[in-house]
Structures are given as C-alpha cells and as structure tokens.
Full PDB file with SEQRES, HELIX, SHEET, SSBOND, CRYST1, ORIGX, SCALE, CONECT and MASTER records, all heavy atoms in Angstrom:
SEQRES   1 A   29  GLU ASP LEU PRO LEU ASN ASP LEU ALA PRO ILE GLU ASP          
SEQRES   2 A   29  LEU LEU ASP HIS VAL TYR GLU LEU ARG LEU ALA ALA SER          
SEQRES   3 A   29  THR PRO SER                                                  
HELIX    1 AA1 LEU A    5  ASP A    7  5                                   3    
HELIX    2 AA2 ASP A   13  ALA A   25  1                                  13    
CRYST1    1.000    1.000    1.000  90.00  90.00  90.00 P 1           1          
ORIGX1      1.000000  0.000000  0.000000        0.00000                         
ORIGX2      0.000000  1.000000  0.000000        0.00000                         
ORIGX3      0.000000  0.000000  1.000000        0.00000                         
SCALE1      1.000000  0.000000  0.000000        0.00000                         
SCALE2      0.000000  1.000000  0.000000        0.00000                         
SCALE3      0.000000  0.000000  1.000000        0.00000                         
ATOM      1  N   GLU A   1     119.846 108.705  83.375  1.00  0.00           N  
ATOM      2  CA  GLU A   1     120.501 107.410  83.554  1.00  0.00           C  
ATOM      3  C   GLU A   1     121.514 107.437  84.679  1.00  0.00           C  
ATOM      4  O   GLU A   1     121.699 106.427  85.374  1.00  0.00           O  
ATOM      5  CB  GLU A   1     121.179 106.976  82.254  1.00  0.00           C  
ATOM      6  CG  GLU A   1     120.209 106.538  81.173  1.00  0.00           C  
ATOM      7  CD  GLU A   1     120.912 105.873  80.008  1.00  0.00           C  
ATOM      8  OE1 GLU A   1     121.436 104.755  80.198  1.00  0.00           O  
ATOM      9  OE2 GLU A   1     120.953 106.476  78.929  1.00  0.00           O  
ATOM     10  N   ASP A   2     122.197 108.556  84.881  1.00  0.00           N  
ATOM     11  CA  ASP A   2     123.194 108.668  85.940  1.00  0.00           C  
ATOM     12  C   ASP A   2     122.571 109.329  87.163  1.00  0.00           C  
ATOM     13  O   ASP A   2     122.197 110.511  87.127  1.00  0.00           O  
ATOM     14  CB  ASP A   2     124.400 109.487  85.470  1.00  0.00           C  
ATOM     15  CG  ASP A   2     125.314 108.677  84.569  1.00  0.00           C  
ATOM     16  OD1 ASP A   2     125.374 107.449  84.750  1.00  0.00           O  
ATOM     17  OD2 ASP A   2     125.947 109.273  83.685  1.00  0.00           O  
ATOM     18  N   LEU A   3     122.471 108.569  88.243  1.00  0.00           N  
ATOM     19  CA  LEU A   3     121.930 109.082  89.495  1.00  0.00           C  
ATOM     20  C   LEU A   3     123.076 109.277  90.484  1.00  0.00           C  
ATOM     21  O   LEU A   3     123.671 108.295  90.952  1.00  0.00           O  
ATOM     22  CB  LEU A   3     120.903 108.095  90.067  1.00  0.00           C  
ATOM     23  CG  LEU A   3     120.376 108.396  91.475  1.00  0.00           C  
ATOM     24  CD1 LEU A   3     119.610 109.710  91.489  1.00  0.00           C  
ATOM     25  CD2 LEU A   3     119.502 107.246  91.964  1.00  0.00           C  
ATOM     26  N   PRO A   4     123.449 110.521  90.808  1.00  0.00           N  
ATOM     27  CA  PRO A   4     124.517 110.743  91.788  1.00  0.00           C  
ATOM     28  C   PRO A   4     124.117 110.188  93.155  1.00  0.00           C  
ATOM     29  O   PRO A   4     123.019 110.464  93.645  1.00  0.00           O  
ATOM     30  CB  PRO A   4     124.662 112.271  91.821  1.00  0.00           C  
ATOM     31  CG  PRO A   4     124.026 112.748  90.551  1.00  0.00           C  
ATOM     32  CD  PRO A   4     122.929 111.782  90.249  1.00  0.00           C  
ATOM     33  N   LEU A   5     125.008 109.441  93.763  1.00  0.00           N  
ATOM     34  CA  LEU A   5     124.680 108.827  95.046  1.00  0.00           C  
ATOM     35  C   LEU A   5     124.476 109.869  96.141  1.00  0.00           C  
ATOM     36  O   LEU A   5     123.740 109.624  97.101  1.00  0.00           O  
ATOM     37  CB  LEU A   5     125.775 107.834  95.445  1.00  0.00           C  
ATOM     38  CG  LEU A   5     125.991 106.655  94.478  1.00  0.00           C  
ATOM     39  CD1 LEU A   5     126.982 105.668  95.061  1.00  0.00           C  
ATOM     40  CD2 LEU A   5     124.665 105.958  94.153  1.00  0.00           C  
ATOM     41  N   ASN A   6     125.142 111.027  96.008  1.00  0.00           N  
ATOM     42  CA  ASN A   6     124.962 112.039  97.047  1.00  0.00           C  
ATOM     43  C   ASN A   6     123.638 112.797  96.907  1.00  0.00           C  
ATOM     44  O   ASN A   6     123.346 113.689  97.697  1.00  0.00           O  
ATOM     45  CB  ASN A   6     126.132 113.020  97.101  1.00  0.00           C  
ATOM     46  CG  ASN A   6     126.356 113.731  95.781  1.00  0.00           C  
ATOM     47  OD1 ASN A   6     125.540 113.648  94.881  1.00  0.00           O  
ATOM     48  ND2 ASN A   6     127.479 114.417  95.672  1.00  0.00           N  
ATOM     49  N   ASP A   7     122.829 112.433  95.895  1.00  0.00           N  
ATOM     50  CA  ASP A   7     121.480 112.995  95.775  1.00  0.00           C  
ATOM     51  C   ASP A   7     120.432 112.134  96.478  1.00  0.00           C  
ATOM     52  O   ASP A   7     119.261 112.522  96.531  1.00  0.00           O  
ATOM     53  CB  ASP A   7     121.088 113.138  94.301  1.00  0.00           C  
ATOM     54  CG  ASP A   7     121.772 114.316  93.625  1.00  0.00           C  
ATOM     55  OD1 ASP A   7     122.398 115.125  94.355  1.00  0.00           O  
ATOM     56  OD2 ASP A   7     121.697 114.421  92.394  1.00  0.00           O  
ATOM     57  N   LEU A   8     120.834 110.986  96.997  1.00  0.00           N  
ATOM     58  CA  LEU A   8     119.880 110.069  97.605  1.00  0.00           C  
ATOM     59  C   LEU A   8     119.396 110.577  98.967  1.00  0.00           C  
ATOM     60  O   LEU A   8     120.167 111.154  99.733  1.00  0.00           O  
ATOM     61  CB  LEU A   8     120.502 108.689  97.786  1.00  0.00           C  
ATOM     62  CG  LEU A   8     120.848 107.908  96.513  1.00  0.00           C  
ATOM     63  CD1 LEU A   8     121.628 106.657  96.872  1.00  0.00           C  
ATOM     64  CD2 LEU A   8     119.582 107.559  95.734  1.00  0.00           C  
ATOM     65  N   ALA A   9     118.141 110.330  99.242  1.00  0.00           N  
ATOM     66  CA  ALA A   9     117.602 110.556 100.581  1.00  0.00           C  
ATOM     67  C   ALA A   9     117.912 109.329 101.440  1.00  0.00           C  
ATOM     68  O   ALA A   9     118.191 108.252 100.919  1.00  0.00           O  
ATOM     69  CB  ALA A   9     116.093 110.780 100.509  1.00  0.00           C  
ATOM     70  N   PRO A  10     117.871 109.462 102.762  1.00  0.00           N  
ATOM     71  CA  PRO A  10     118.120 108.299 103.625  1.00  0.00           C  
ATOM     72  C   PRO A  10     117.143 107.168 103.329  1.00  0.00           C  
ATOM     73  O   PRO A  10     115.987 107.403 102.949  1.00  0.00           O  
ATOM     74  CB  PRO A  10     117.914 108.855 105.043  1.00  0.00           C  
ATOM     75  CG  PRO A  10     118.105 110.328 104.905  1.00  0.00           C  
ATOM     76  CD  PRO A  10     117.627 110.688 103.546  1.00  0.00           C  
ATOM     77  N   ILE A  11     117.591 105.942 103.511  1.00  0.00           N  
ATOM     78  CA  ILE A  11     116.744 104.790 103.221  1.00  0.00           C  
ATOM     79  C   ILE A  11     115.480 104.814 104.074  1.00  0.00           C  
ATOM     80  O   ILE A  11     114.430 104.302 103.668  1.00  0.00           O  
ATOM     81  CB  ILE A  11     117.533 103.473 103.433  1.00  0.00           C  
ATOM     82  CG1 ILE A  11     116.725 102.269 102.946  1.00  0.00           C  
ATOM     83  CG2 ILE A  11     117.950 103.304 104.876  1.00  0.00           C  
ATOM     84  CD1 ILE A  11     116.401 102.294 101.467  1.00  0.00           C  
ATOM     85  N   GLU A  12     115.541 105.421 105.264  1.00  0.00           N  
ATOM     86  CA  GLU A  12     114.360 105.495 106.124  1.00  0.00           C  
ATOM     87  C   GLU A  12     113.210 106.264 105.481  1.00  0.00           C  
ATOM     88  O   GLU A  12     112.042 106.062 105.842  1.00  0.00           O  
ATOM     89  CB  GLU A  12     114.719 106.152 107.462  1.00  0.00           C  
ATOM     90  CG  GLU A  12     115.667 105.340 108.333  1.00  0.00           C  
ATOM     91  CD  GLU A  12     117.117 105.477 107.910  1.00  0.00           C  
ATOM     92  OE1 GLU A  12     117.420 106.359 107.059  1.00  0.00           O  
ATOM     93  OE2 GLU A  12     117.951 104.706 108.424  1.00  0.00           O  
ATOM     94  N   ASP A  13     113.526 107.138 104.520  1.00  0.00           N  
ATOM     95  CA  ASP A  13     112.461 107.888 103.829  1.00  0.00           C  
ATOM     96  C   ASP A  13     111.548 106.963 103.028  1.00  0.00           C  
ATOM     97  O   ASP A  13     110.412 107.338 102.696  1.00  0.00           O  
ATOM     98  CB  ASP A  13     113.069 108.937 102.895  1.00  0.00           C  
ATOM     99  CG  ASP A  13     113.591 110.158 103.650  1.00  0.00           C  
ATOM    100  OD1 ASP A  13     113.766 110.055 104.887  1.00  0.00           O  
ATOM    101  OD2 ASP A  13     113.841 111.198 103.025  1.00  0.00           O  
ATOM    102  N   LEU A  14     112.052 105.774 102.706  1.00  0.00           N  
ATOM    103  CA  LEU A  14     111.227 104.814 101.975  1.00  0.00           C  
ATOM    104  C   LEU A  14     109.977 104.458 102.769  1.00  0.00           C  
ATOM    105  O   LEU A  14     108.896 104.281 102.197  1.00  0.00           O  
ATOM    106  CB  LEU A  14     112.036 103.549 101.676  1.00  0.00           C  
ATOM    107  CG  LEU A  14     111.260 102.359 101.072  1.00  0.00           C  
ATOM    108  CD1 LEU A  14     110.690 102.723  99.714  1.00  0.00           C  
ATOM    109  CD2 LEU A  14     112.160 101.134 100.982  1.00  0.00           C  
ATOM    110  N   LEU A  15     110.085 104.341 104.085  1.00  0.00           N  
ATOM    111  CA  LEU A  15     108.955 103.957 104.927  1.00  0.00           C  
ATOM    112  C   LEU A  15     107.824 104.976 104.824  1.00  0.00           C  
ATOM    113  O   LEU A  15     106.656 104.617 104.632  1.00  0.00           O  
ATOM    114  CB  LEU A  15     109.409 103.794 106.377  1.00  0.00           C  
ATOM    115  CG  LEU A  15     110.600 102.871 106.625  1.00  0.00           C  
ATOM    116  CD1 LEU A  15     110.921 102.816 108.114  1.00  0.00           C  
ATOM    117  CD2 LEU A  15     110.340 101.478 106.081  1.00  0.00           C  
ATOM    118  N   ASP A  16     108.167 106.264 104.944  1.00  0.00           N  
ATOM    119  CA  ASP A  16     107.154 107.307 104.832  1.00  0.00           C  
ATOM    120  C   ASP A  16     106.544 107.330 103.439  1.00  0.00           C  
ATOM    121  O   ASP A  16     105.334 107.544 103.265  1.00  0.00           O  
ATOM    122  CB  ASP A  16     107.758 108.674 105.154  1.00  0.00           C  
ATOM    123  CG  ASP A  16     108.149 108.815 106.612  1.00  0.00           C  
ATOM    124  OD1 ASP A  16     107.566 108.113 107.452  1.00  0.00           O  
ATOM    125  OD2 ASP A  16     109.052 109.616 106.909  1.00  0.00           O  
ATOM    126  N   HIS A  17     107.384 107.116 102.423  1.00  0.00           N  
ATOM    127  CA  HIS A  17     106.917 107.148 101.035  1.00  0.00           C  
ATOM    128  C   HIS A  17     105.899 106.034 100.775  1.00  0.00           C  
ATOM    129  O   HIS A  17     104.847 106.279 100.169  1.00  0.00           O  
ATOM    130  CB  HIS A  17     108.112 107.012 100.102  1.00  0.00           C  
ATOM    131  CG  HIS A  17     107.766 107.107  98.649  1.00  0.00           C  
ATOM    132  ND1 HIS A  17     107.266 108.260  98.073  1.00  0.00           N  
ATOM    133  CD2 HIS A  17     107.852 106.182  97.645  1.00  0.00           C  
ATOM    134  CE1 HIS A  17     107.059 108.048  96.771  1.00  0.00           C  
ATOM    135  NE2 HIS A  17     107.396 106.800  96.502  1.00  0.00           N  
ATOM    136  N   VAL A  18     106.194 104.824 101.253  1.00  0.00           N  
ATOM    137  CA  VAL A  18     105.280 103.702 101.054  1.00  0.00           C  
ATOM    138  C   VAL A  18     103.961 103.957 101.777  1.00  0.00           C  
ATOM    139  O   VAL A  18     102.875 103.695 101.248  1.00  0.00           O  
ATOM    140  CB  VAL A  18     105.925 102.388 101.529  1.00  0.00           C  
ATOM    141  CG1 VAL A  18     104.895 101.261 101.582  1.00  0.00           C  
ATOM    142  CG2 VAL A  18     107.071 101.999 100.606  1.00  0.00           C  
ATOM    143  N   TYR A  19     104.037 104.496 102.993  1.00  0.00           N  
ATOM    144  CA  TYR A  19     102.815 104.791 103.734  1.00  0.00           C  
ATOM    145  C   TYR A  19     101.956 105.817 102.992  1.00  0.00           C  
ATOM    146  O   TYR A  19     100.737 105.667 102.885  1.00  0.00           O  
ATOM    147  CB  TYR A  19     103.150 105.294 105.135  1.00  0.00           C  
ATOM    148  CG  TYR A  19     101.946 105.883 105.841  1.00  0.00           C  
ATOM    149  CD1 TYR A  19     100.868 105.075 106.201  1.00  0.00           C  
ATOM    150  CD2 TYR A  19     101.878 107.247 106.110  1.00  0.00           C  
ATOM    151  CE1 TYR A  19      99.751 105.608 106.822  1.00  0.00           C  
ATOM    152  CE2 TYR A  19     100.761 107.781 106.738  1.00  0.00           C  
ATOM    153  CZ  TYR A  19      99.707 106.964 107.094  1.00  0.00           C  
ATOM    154  OH  TYR A  19      98.606 107.488 107.697  1.00  0.00           O  
ATOM    155  N   GLU A  20     102.583 106.873 102.468  1.00  0.00           N  
ATOM    156  CA  GLU A  20     101.834 107.900 101.742  1.00  0.00           C  
ATOM    157  C   GLU A  20     101.172 107.325 100.493  1.00  0.00           C  
ATOM    158  O   GLU A  20     100.037 107.678 100.156  1.00  0.00           O  
ATOM    159  CB  GLU A  20     102.772 109.045 101.370  1.00  0.00           C  
ATOM    160  CG  GLU A  20     103.222 109.874 102.575  1.00  0.00           C  
ATOM    161  CD  GLU A  20     104.335 110.843 102.237  1.00  0.00           C  
ATOM    162  OE1 GLU A  20     104.751 110.857 101.052  1.00  0.00           O  
ATOM    163  OE2 GLU A  20     104.796 111.569 103.122  1.00  0.00           O  
ATOM    164  N   LEU A  21     101.871 106.425  99.792  1.00  0.00           N  
ATOM    165  CA  LEU A  21     101.290 105.808  98.602  1.00  0.00           C  
ATOM    166  C   LEU A  21     100.107 104.921  98.965  1.00  0.00           C  
ATOM    167  O   LEU A  21      99.101 104.889  98.253  1.00  0.00           O  
ATOM    168  CB  LEU A  21     102.352 104.991  97.866  1.00  0.00           C  
ATOM    169  CG  LEU A  21     103.450 105.802  97.171  1.00  0.00           C  
ATOM    170  CD1 LEU A  21     104.525 104.871  96.609  1.00  0.00           C  
ATOM    171  CD2 LEU A  21     102.870 106.667  96.052  1.00  0.00           C  
ATOM    172  N   ARG A  22     100.237 104.172 100.066  1.00  0.00           N  
ATOM    173  CA  ARG A  22      99.123 103.338 100.509  1.00  0.00           C  
ATOM    174  C   ARG A  22      97.918 104.192 100.874  1.00  0.00           C  
ATOM    175  O   ARG A  22      96.774 103.855 100.565  1.00  0.00           O  
ATOM    176  CB  ARG A  22      99.557 102.521 101.725  1.00  0.00           C  
ATOM    177  CG  ARG A  22     100.014 101.136 101.344  1.00  0.00           C  
ATOM    178  CD  ARG A  22      99.796 100.148 102.441  1.00  0.00           C  
ATOM    179  NE  ARG A  22     100.651  99.017 102.130  1.00  0.00           N  
ATOM    180  CZ  ARG A  22     101.757  98.736 102.771  1.00  0.00           C  
ATOM    181  NH1 ARG A  22     102.133  99.471 103.790  1.00  0.00           N  
ATOM    182  NH2 ARG A  22     102.494  97.723 102.407  1.00  0.00           N  
ATOM    183  N   LEU A  23      98.170 105.283 101.546  1.00  0.00           N  
ATOM    184  CA  LEU A  23      97.083 106.165 101.962  1.00  0.00           C  
ATOM    185  C   LEU A  23      96.391 106.764 100.744  1.00  0.00           C  
ATOM    186  O   LEU A  23      95.170 106.875 100.695  1.00  0.00           O  
ATOM    187  CB  LEU A  23      97.634 107.271 102.858  1.00  0.00           C  
ATOM    188  CG  LEU A  23      96.650 108.004 103.764  1.00  0.00           C  
ATOM    189  CD1 LEU A  23      95.983 107.029 104.729  1.00  0.00           C  
ATOM    190  CD2 LEU A  23      97.346 109.112 104.513  1.00  0.00           C  
ATOM    191  N   ALA A  24      97.190 107.130  99.723  1.00  0.00           N  
ATOM    192  CA  ALA A  24      96.618 107.713  98.506  1.00  0.00           C  
ATOM    193  C   ALA A  24      95.819 106.691  97.714  1.00  0.00           C  
ATOM    194  O   ALA A  24      94.828 107.033  97.059  1.00  0.00           O  
ATOM    195  CB  ALA A  24      97.730 108.295  97.641  1.00  0.00           C  
ATOM    196  N   ALA A  25      96.243 105.421  97.765  1.00  0.00           N  
ATOM    197  CA  ALA A  25      95.563 104.381  96.988  1.00  0.00           C  
ATOM    198  C   ALA A  25      94.279 103.910  97.650  1.00  0.00           C  
ATOM    199  O   ALA A  25      93.402 103.365  96.978  1.00  0.00           O  
ATOM    200  CB  ALA A  25      96.494 103.191  96.784  1.00  0.00           C  
ATOM    201  N   SER A  26      94.169 104.100  98.957  1.00  0.00           N  
ATOM    202  CA  SER A  26      92.983 103.641  99.670  1.00  0.00           C  
ATOM    203  C   SER A  26      91.835 104.603  99.416  1.00  0.00           C  
ATOM    204  O   SER A  26      92.032 105.764  99.072  1.00  0.00           O  
ATOM    205  CB  SER A  26      93.262 103.522 101.162  1.00  0.00           C  
ATOM    206  OG  SER A  26      93.528 104.790 101.721  1.00  0.00           O  
ATOM    207  N   THR A  27      90.601 104.105  99.619  1.00  0.00           N  
ATOM    208  CA  THR A  27      89.416 104.936  99.413  1.00  0.00           C  
ATOM    209  C   THR A  27      88.462 104.819 100.591  1.00  0.00           C  
ATOM    210  O   THR A  27      87.292 104.508 100.427  1.00  0.00           O  
ATOM    211  CB  THR A  27      88.685 104.527  98.125  1.00  0.00           C  
ATOM    212  OG1 THR A  27      88.383 103.116  98.202  1.00  0.00           O  
ATOM    213  CG2 THR A  27      89.508 104.807  96.910  1.00  0.00           C  
ATOM    214  N   PRO A  28      88.936 105.048 101.795  1.00  0.00           N  
ATOM    215  CA  PRO A  28      88.032 104.962 102.943  1.00  0.00           C  
ATOM    216  C   PRO A  28      87.078 106.154 102.982  1.00  0.00           C  
ATOM    217  O   PRO A  28      87.413 107.241 102.531  1.00  0.00           O  
ATOM    218  CB  PRO A  28      88.973 104.993 104.144  1.00  0.00           C  
ATOM    219  CG  PRO A  28      90.148 105.788 103.661  1.00  0.00           C  
ATOM    220  CD  PRO A  28      90.291 105.438 102.197  1.00  0.00           C  
ATOM    221  N   SER A  29      85.896 105.930 103.534  1.00  0.00           N  
ATOM    222  CA  SER A  29      84.987 107.050 103.720  1.00  0.00           C  
ATOM    223  C   SER A  29      85.435 107.902 104.889  1.00  0.00           C  
ATOM    224  O   SER A  29      85.165 109.085 104.941  1.00  0.00           O  
ATOM    225  CB  SER A  29      83.574 106.546 103.955  1.00  0.00           C  
ATOM    226  OG  SER A  29      83.526 105.736 105.110  1.00  0.00           O  
TER     227      SER A  29                                                      
MASTER        0    0    0    2    0    0    0    6  226    1    0    3          
END                                                                             
C-alpha cells in the first residue's frame, strides 16, 4: 500500500513500457 516516491522510475520509462506491452500483445507473423 505504501509506495516510496524515491522508488519511482522516471516518467519517460512509461513510453518504453507501453511499447513493450503493445509488442507483446500483437501477433504479427
């Protein structure tokens, strides 16, 4: 329940994370 703020990654890491999730969800040949 308690998330220390100094444990956070930079907000820019969200961009890479979303891209990786999209890539994992896709099923291209």
